[in-house]
Amino acid sequence: MRIAGGCNLFGYSGHPIDAAERARGMPDTLSQTGEIHLKKDTWLGSNVIVKSGVTIGKGAIVAAGSVVTKDIPDYVIAAGNPAKVIKDISGEQTEARDA
């Protein structure tokens, strides 16, 4: 696993958006919290943000500055805000997996 500088992994998304809920002291909901799973050989570029409840697949690469809000599959390159798959690299990774 490689994590470049400036990355942020958020297992907690913050307080409720609704001001009335905040004023009433509403407790956190399950949608605000969640584990983050980074599988083997994951690579996060500089300044990537990963939100709660996300799994980044084996061998996946996330481009610098991306915001990951949903799961990223194995052996792909993802980029953007929100991060989306831009390239499948499963064929390119065969040699590395077999070595």
C-alpha atoms as a PDB file:
ATOM      1  CA  MET A   1       0.000   0.000   0.000  1.00  0.00           C
ATOM      2  CA  ARG A   2       1.233   3.458  -0.880  1.00  0.00           C
ATOM      3  CA  ILE A   3      -0.286   6.631   0.534  1.00  0.00           C
ATOM      4  CA  ALA A   4       1.185   9.912  -0.710  1.00  0.00           C
ATOM      5  CA  GLY A   5       1.385  13.105   1.323  1.00  0.00           C
ATOM      6  CA  GLY A   6      -1.661  15.168   2.147  1.00  0.00           C
ATOM      7  CA  CYS A   7      -4.186  12.302   2.040  1.00  0.00           C
ATOM      8  CA  ASN A   8      -7.154  12.366   4.408  1.00  0.00           C
ATOM      9  CA  LEU A   9      -9.156   9.301   5.443  1.00  0.00           C
ATOM     10  CA  PHE A  10     -12.452  10.190   7.121  1.00  0.00           C
ATOM     11  CA  GLY A  11     -14.217   7.463   9.128  1.00  0.00           C
ATOM     12  CA  TYR A  12     -16.620  10.120  10.399  1.00  0.00           C
ATOM     13  CA  SER A  13     -18.310  12.556   8.066  1.00  0.00           C
ATOM     14  CA  GLY A  14     -19.192  15.183  10.659  1.00  0.00           C
ATOM     15  CA  HIS A  15     -22.303  16.536  12.285  1.00  0.00           C
ATOM     16  CA  PRO A  16     -25.821  16.399  10.781  1.00  0.00           C
ATOM     17  CA  ILE A  17     -26.406  18.860   7.946  1.00  0.00           C
ATOM     18  CA  ASP A  18     -29.828  19.913   9.249  1.00  0.00           C
ATOM     19  CA  ALA A  19     -29.411  22.860  11.666  1.00  0.00           C
ATOM     20  CA  ALA A  20     -32.466  21.830  13.701  1.00  0.00           C
ATOM     21  CA  GLU A  21     -30.984  18.354  14.266  1.00  0.00           C
ATOM     22  CA  ARG A  22     -27.692  19.899  15.392  1.00  0.00           C
ATOM     23  CA  ALA A  23     -29.542  22.263  17.764  1.00  0.00           C
ATOM     24  CA  ARG A  24     -31.411  19.309  19.299  1.00  0.00           C
ATOM     25  CA  GLY A  25     -28.114  17.485  19.805  1.00  0.00           C
ATOM     26  CA  MET A  26     -29.131  14.597  17.557  1.00  0.00           C
ATOM     27  CA  PRO A  27     -26.708  11.656  17.798  1.00  0.00           C
ATOM     28  CA  ASP A  28     -24.586  10.509  14.893  1.00  0.00           C
ATOM     29  CA  THR A  29     -26.243   8.144  12.447  1.00  0.00           C
ATOM     30  CA  LEU A  30     -24.752   5.107  10.750  1.00  0.00           C
ATOM     31  CA  SER A  31     -24.648   7.091   7.511  1.00  0.00           C
ATOM     32  CA  GLN A  32     -22.167   9.474   9.159  1.00  0.00           C
ATOM     33  CA  THR A  33     -19.698   6.797  10.251  1.00  0.00           C
ATOM     34  CA  GLY A  34     -18.066   3.790   8.628  1.00  0.00           C
ATOM     35  CA  GLU A  35     -14.907   1.814   8.169  1.00  0.00           C
ATOM     36  CA  ILE A  36     -12.460   2.401   5.354  1.00  0.00           C
ATOM     37  CA  HIS A  37     -10.825  -0.635   3.736  1.00  0.00           C
ATOM     38  CA  LEU A  38      -7.676  -0.320   1.640  1.00  0.00           C
ATOM     39  CA  LYS A  39      -6.812  -3.636   0.016  1.00  0.00           C
ATOM     40  CA  LYS A  40      -3.361  -4.937  -0.920  1.00  0.00           C
ATOM     41  CA  ASP A  41      -1.257  -2.855  -3.338  1.00  0.00           C
ATOM     42  CA  THR A  42      -3.547   0.177  -3.160  1.00  0.00           C
ATOM     43  CA  TRP A  43      -1.956   3.462  -4.213  1.00  0.00           C
ATOM     44  CA  LEU A  44      -3.393   6.835  -3.171  1.00  0.00           C
ATOM     45  CA  GLY A  45      -1.934   9.878  -4.911  1.00  0.00           C
ATOM     46  CA  SER A  46      -1.257  13.171  -3.135  1.00  0.00           C
ATOM     47  CA  ASN A  47      -4.162  14.947  -1.457  1.00  0.00           C
ATOM     48  CA  VAL A  48      -6.700  12.155  -1.962  1.00  0.00           C
ATOM     49  CA  ILE A  49      -9.734  12.274   0.335  1.00  0.00           C
ATOM     50  CA  VAL A  50     -11.443   8.983   1.245  1.00  0.00           C
ATOM     51  CA  LYS A  51     -14.875   9.195   2.895  1.00  0.00           C
ATOM     52  CA  SER A  52     -16.308   6.734   5.411  1.00  0.00           C
ATOM     53  CA  GLY A  53     -17.708   3.358   4.385  1.00  0.00           C
ATOM     54  CA  VAL A  54     -15.475   2.988   1.321  1.00  0.00           C
ATOM     55  CA  THR A  55     -13.405   0.031   0.108  1.00  0.00           C
ATOM     56  CA  ILE A  56     -10.576   0.630  -2.353  1.00  0.00           C
ATOM     57  CA  GLY A  57      -9.832  -2.570  -4.246  1.00  0.00           C
ATOM     58  CA  LYS A  58      -6.648  -4.561  -4.617  1.00  0.00           C
ATOM     59  CA  GLY A  59      -4.128  -2.936  -6.951  1.00  0.00           C
ATOM     60  CA  ALA A  60      -6.305   0.146  -7.441  1.00  0.00           C
ATOM     61  CA  ILE A  61      -4.708   3.539  -8.080  1.00  0.00           C
ATOM     62  CA  VAL A  62      -6.477   6.736  -7.037  1.00  0.00           C
ATOM     63  CA  ALA A  63      -5.216   9.866  -8.808  1.00  0.00           C
ATOM     64  CA  ALA A  64      -3.963  12.887  -6.877  1.00  0.00           C
ATOM     65  CA  GLY A  65      -6.647  15.242  -5.606  1.00  0.00           C
ATOM     66  CA  SER A  66      -9.488  12.735  -6.005  1.00  0.00           C
ATOM     67  CA  VAL A  67     -12.387  12.446  -3.552  1.00  0.00           C
ATOM     68  CA  VAL A  68     -13.455   8.827  -3.025  1.00  0.00           C
ATOM     69  CA  THR A  69     -17.110   8.604  -1.948  1.00  0.00           C
ATOM     70  CA  LYS A  70     -17.937   5.085  -3.217  1.00  0.00           C
ATOM     71  CA  ASP A  71     -16.140   1.750  -3.507  1.00  0.00           C
ATOM     72  CA  ILE A  72     -13.364   1.451  -6.096  1.00  0.00           C
ATOM     73  CA  PRO A  73     -12.964  -2.011  -7.735  1.00  0.00           C
ATOM     74  CA  ASP A  74      -9.755  -4.050  -7.959  1.00  0.00           C
ATOM     75  CA  TYR A  75      -7.124  -3.120 -10.573  1.00  0.00           C
ATOM     76  CA  VAL A  76      -8.485   0.175 -11.883  1.00  0.00           C
ATOM     77  CA  ILE A  77      -7.376   3.787 -11.986  1.00  0.00           C
ATOM     78  CA  ALA A  78      -9.905   6.189 -10.485  1.00  0.00           C
ATOM     79  CA  ALA A  79      -9.836   9.982 -10.574  1.00  0.00           C
ATOM     80  CA  GLY A  80     -11.985  13.026  -9.985  1.00  0.00           C
ATOM     81  CA  ASN A  81     -14.425  14.554  -7.534  1.00  0.00           C
ATOM     82  CA  PRO A  82     -16.198  12.291  -6.962  1.00  0.00           C
ATOM     83  CA  ALA A  83     -13.693   9.633  -8.022  1.00  0.00           C
ATOM     84  CA  LYS A  84     -14.780   7.516 -10.992  1.00  0.00           C
ATOM     85  CA  VAL A  85     -13.048   4.653 -12.766  1.00  0.00           C
ATOM     86  CA  ILE A  86     -11.147   6.016 -15.754  1.00  0.00           C
ATOM     87  CA  LYS A  87      -9.162   2.928 -16.735  1.00  0.00           C
ATOM     88  CA  ASP A  88      -9.144  -0.829 -16.129  1.00  0.00           C
ATOM     89  CA  ILE A  89      -5.586  -2.014 -15.515  1.00  0.00           C
ATOM     90  CA  SER A  90      -6.358  -5.648 -14.675  1.00  0.00           C
ATOM     91  CA  GLY A  91      -4.588  -6.906 -17.809  1.00  0.00           C
ATOM     92  CA  GLU A  92      -1.552  -4.745 -17.125  1.00  0.00           C
ATOM     93  CA  GLN A  93      -1.280  -6.082 -13.573  1.00  0.00           C
ATOM     94  CA  THR A  94      -1.170  -9.773 -14.551  1.00  0.00           C
ATOM     95  CA  GLU A  95       2.620  -9.826 -14.789  1.00  0.00           C
ATOM     96  CA  ALA A  96       3.041  -8.098 -11.420  1.00  0.00           C
ATOM     97  CA  ARG A  97       0.603 -10.489  -9.712  1.00  0.00           C
ATOM     98  CA  ASP A  98       2.355 -13.536 -11.168  1.00  0.00           C
ATOM     99  CA  ALA A  99       5.898 -12.351 -10.343  1.00  0.00           C
END
